[in-house]
Amino acid sequence: MAFAAVRKVFGGTVAVDDVTLDLARGEILALLGENGAGKSTMIKAIAGLVPCFGGKVRLGETDVTGLPPHVLVGNGMGF
């Protein structure tokens, strides 16, 4: 899974700004940060639970940006 330049904005507040990561199959990643840092929002945007304001999400070589959660689950991705 990879995501590039993921951005999420609520009103005028930037919750996630230009996050780019590339994870290998089976790799585990921990997101650490203070309350309100955007950790949950980033995962929700990647999982299709809230729309991304910008960026791309890939699962393997497939662009899954903006797909609804039930489609992502069918492709092996979940939150």
C-alpha atoms as a PDB file:
ATOM      1  CA  MET A   1       0.000   0.000   0.000  1.00  0.00           C
ATOM      2  CA  ALA A   2       1.206   3.481  -0.730  1.00  0.00           C
ATOM      3  CA  PHE A   3      -0.179   6.947  -0.378  1.00  0.00           C
ATOM      4  CA  ALA A   4       1.275  10.098  -1.820  1.00  0.00           C
ATOM      5  CA  ALA A   5       0.594  13.700  -0.859  1.00  0.00           C
ATOM      6  CA  VAL A   6      -2.573  12.782   1.080  1.00  0.00           C
ATOM      7  CA  ARG A   7      -4.304  15.888   2.387  1.00  0.00           C
ATOM      8  CA  LYS A   8      -7.481  16.334   4.435  1.00  0.00           C
ATOM      9  CA  VAL A   9      -9.035  19.665   5.360  1.00  0.00           C
ATOM     10  CA  PHE A  10     -12.015  20.335   7.640  1.00  0.00           C
ATOM     11  CA  GLY A  11     -13.342  23.802   6.878  1.00  0.00           C
ATOM     12  CA  GLY A  12     -10.207  25.925   7.022  1.00  0.00           C
ATOM     13  CA  THR A  13      -8.287  23.542   9.303  1.00  0.00           C
ATOM     14  CA  VAL A  14      -5.674  21.281   7.718  1.00  0.00           C
ATOM     15  CA  ALA A  15      -5.818  17.933   9.556  1.00  0.00           C
ATOM     16  CA  VAL A  16      -3.433  15.979   7.290  1.00  0.00           C
ATOM     17  CA  ASP A  17      -0.940  17.810   5.092  1.00  0.00           C
ATOM     18  CA  ASP A  18       1.016  16.169   2.261  1.00  0.00           C
ATOM     19  CA  VAL A  19       1.648  12.748   3.869  1.00  0.00           C
ATOM     20  CA  THR A  20       3.522  10.256   1.693  1.00  0.00           C
ATOM     21  CA  LEU A  21       4.318   6.665   2.741  1.00  0.00           C
ATOM     22  CA  ASP A  22       5.080   3.412   0.929  1.00  0.00           C
ATOM     23  CA  LEU A  23       4.441   0.204   2.874  1.00  0.00           C
ATOM     24  CA  ALA A  24       5.535  -3.269   1.776  1.00  0.00           C
ATOM     25  CA  ARG A  25       3.116  -6.194   2.070  1.00  0.00           C
ATOM     26  CA  GLY A  26       3.099  -7.347   5.704  1.00  0.00           C
ATOM     27  CA  GLU A  27       4.914  -4.253   6.953  1.00  0.00           C
ATOM     28  CA  ILE A  28       3.596  -2.718  10.177  1.00  0.00           C
ATOM     29  CA  LEU A  29       3.548   1.033  10.748  1.00  0.00           C
ATOM     30  CA  ALA A  30       2.809   2.910  13.969  1.00  0.00           C
ATOM     31  CA  LEU A  31       1.508   6.472  13.809  1.00  0.00           C
ATOM     32  CA  LEU A  32       2.434   8.463  16.877  1.00  0.00           C
ATOM     33  CA  GLY A  33       1.493  11.997  17.784  1.00  0.00           C
ATOM     34  CA  GLU A  34      -0.369  14.292  20.113  1.00  0.00           C
ATOM     35  CA  ASN A  35      -4.143  14.447  20.343  1.00  0.00           C
ATOM     36  CA  GLY A  36      -5.471  16.296  17.324  1.00  0.00           C
ATOM     37  CA  ALA A  37      -2.360  15.636  15.214  1.00  0.00           C
ATOM     38  CA  GLY A  38      -4.389  13.942  12.448  1.00  0.00           C
ATOM     39  CA  LYS A  39      -3.512  10.269  13.018  1.00  0.00           C
ATOM     40  CA  SER A  40      -7.063   8.916  12.933  1.00  0.00           C
ATOM     41  CA  THR A  41      -8.079  11.314  10.176  1.00  0.00           C
ATOM     42  CA  MET A  42      -5.228  10.090   7.982  1.00  0.00           C
ATOM     43  CA  ILE A  43      -6.215   6.434   8.420  1.00  0.00           C
ATOM     44  CA  LYS A  44      -9.891   7.252   7.828  1.00  0.00           C
ATOM     45  CA  ALA A  45      -9.005   9.117   4.616  1.00  0.00           C
ATOM     46  CA  ILE A  46      -6.872   6.223   3.373  1.00  0.00           C
ATOM     47  CA  ALA A  47      -9.623   3.706   4.273  1.00  0.00           C
ATOM     48  CA  GLY A  48     -12.268   5.690   2.377  1.00  0.00           C
ATOM     49  CA  LEU A  49     -14.236   6.686   5.472  1.00  0.00           C
ATOM     50  CA  VAL A  50     -13.695  10.405   4.816  1.00  0.00           C
ATOM     51  CA  PRO A  51     -12.767  11.921   1.431  1.00  0.00           C
ATOM     52  CA  CYS A  52      -9.188  13.023   0.750  1.00  0.00           C
ATOM     53  CA  PHE A  53      -8.730  16.670  -0.189  1.00  0.00           C
ATOM     54  CA  GLY A  54      -5.730  15.723  -2.306  1.00  0.00           C
ATOM     55  CA  GLY A  55      -3.224  12.974  -2.975  1.00  0.00           C
ATOM     56  CA  LYS A  56      -3.418   9.380  -4.150  1.00  0.00           C
ATOM     57  CA  VAL A  57      -3.876   6.044  -2.385  1.00  0.00           C
ATOM     58  CA  ARG A  58      -2.629   2.846  -4.052  1.00  0.00           C
ATOM     59  CA  LEU A  59      -3.152  -0.770  -3.103  1.00  0.00           C
ATOM     60  CA  GLY A  60      -0.508  -2.652  -5.039  1.00  0.00           C
ATOM     61  CA  GLU A  61      -0.487  -1.029  -8.464  1.00  0.00           C
ATOM     62  CA  THR A  62      -4.178  -0.059  -8.298  1.00  0.00           C
ATOM     63  CA  ASP A  63      -5.250   3.519  -7.581  1.00  0.00           C
ATOM     64  CA  VAL A  64      -7.984   3.200  -4.930  1.00  0.00           C
ATOM     65  CA  THR A  65      -8.269   6.907  -4.112  1.00  0.00           C
ATOM     66  CA  GLY A  66     -11.862   7.814  -3.307  1.00  0.00           C
ATOM     67  CA  LEU A  67     -13.242   4.278  -3.479  1.00  0.00           C
ATOM     68  CA  PRO A  68     -15.868   3.488  -0.833  1.00  0.00           C
ATOM     69  CA  PRO A  69     -14.885   1.307   2.140  1.00  0.00           C
ATOM     70  CA  HIS A  70     -16.854  -1.763   0.983  1.00  0.00           C
ATOM     71  CA  VAL A  71     -14.855  -1.834  -2.266  1.00  0.00           C
ATOM     72  CA  LEU A  72     -11.567  -1.430  -0.375  1.00  0.00           C
ATOM     73  CA  VAL A  73     -12.480  -4.302   1.972  1.00  0.00           C
ATOM     74  CA  GLY A  74     -13.156  -6.469  -1.075  1.00  0.00           C
ATOM     75  CA  ASN A  75      -9.575  -5.730  -2.145  1.00  0.00           C
ATOM     76  CA  GLY A  76      -8.125  -6.738   1.238  1.00  0.00           C
ATOM     77  CA  MET A  77      -7.912  -3.334   2.912  1.00  0.00           C
ATOM     78  CA  GLY A  78      -9.750  -2.321   6.073  1.00  0.00           C
ATOM     79  CA  PHE A  79      -9.784  -0.058   9.102  1.00  0.00           C
END
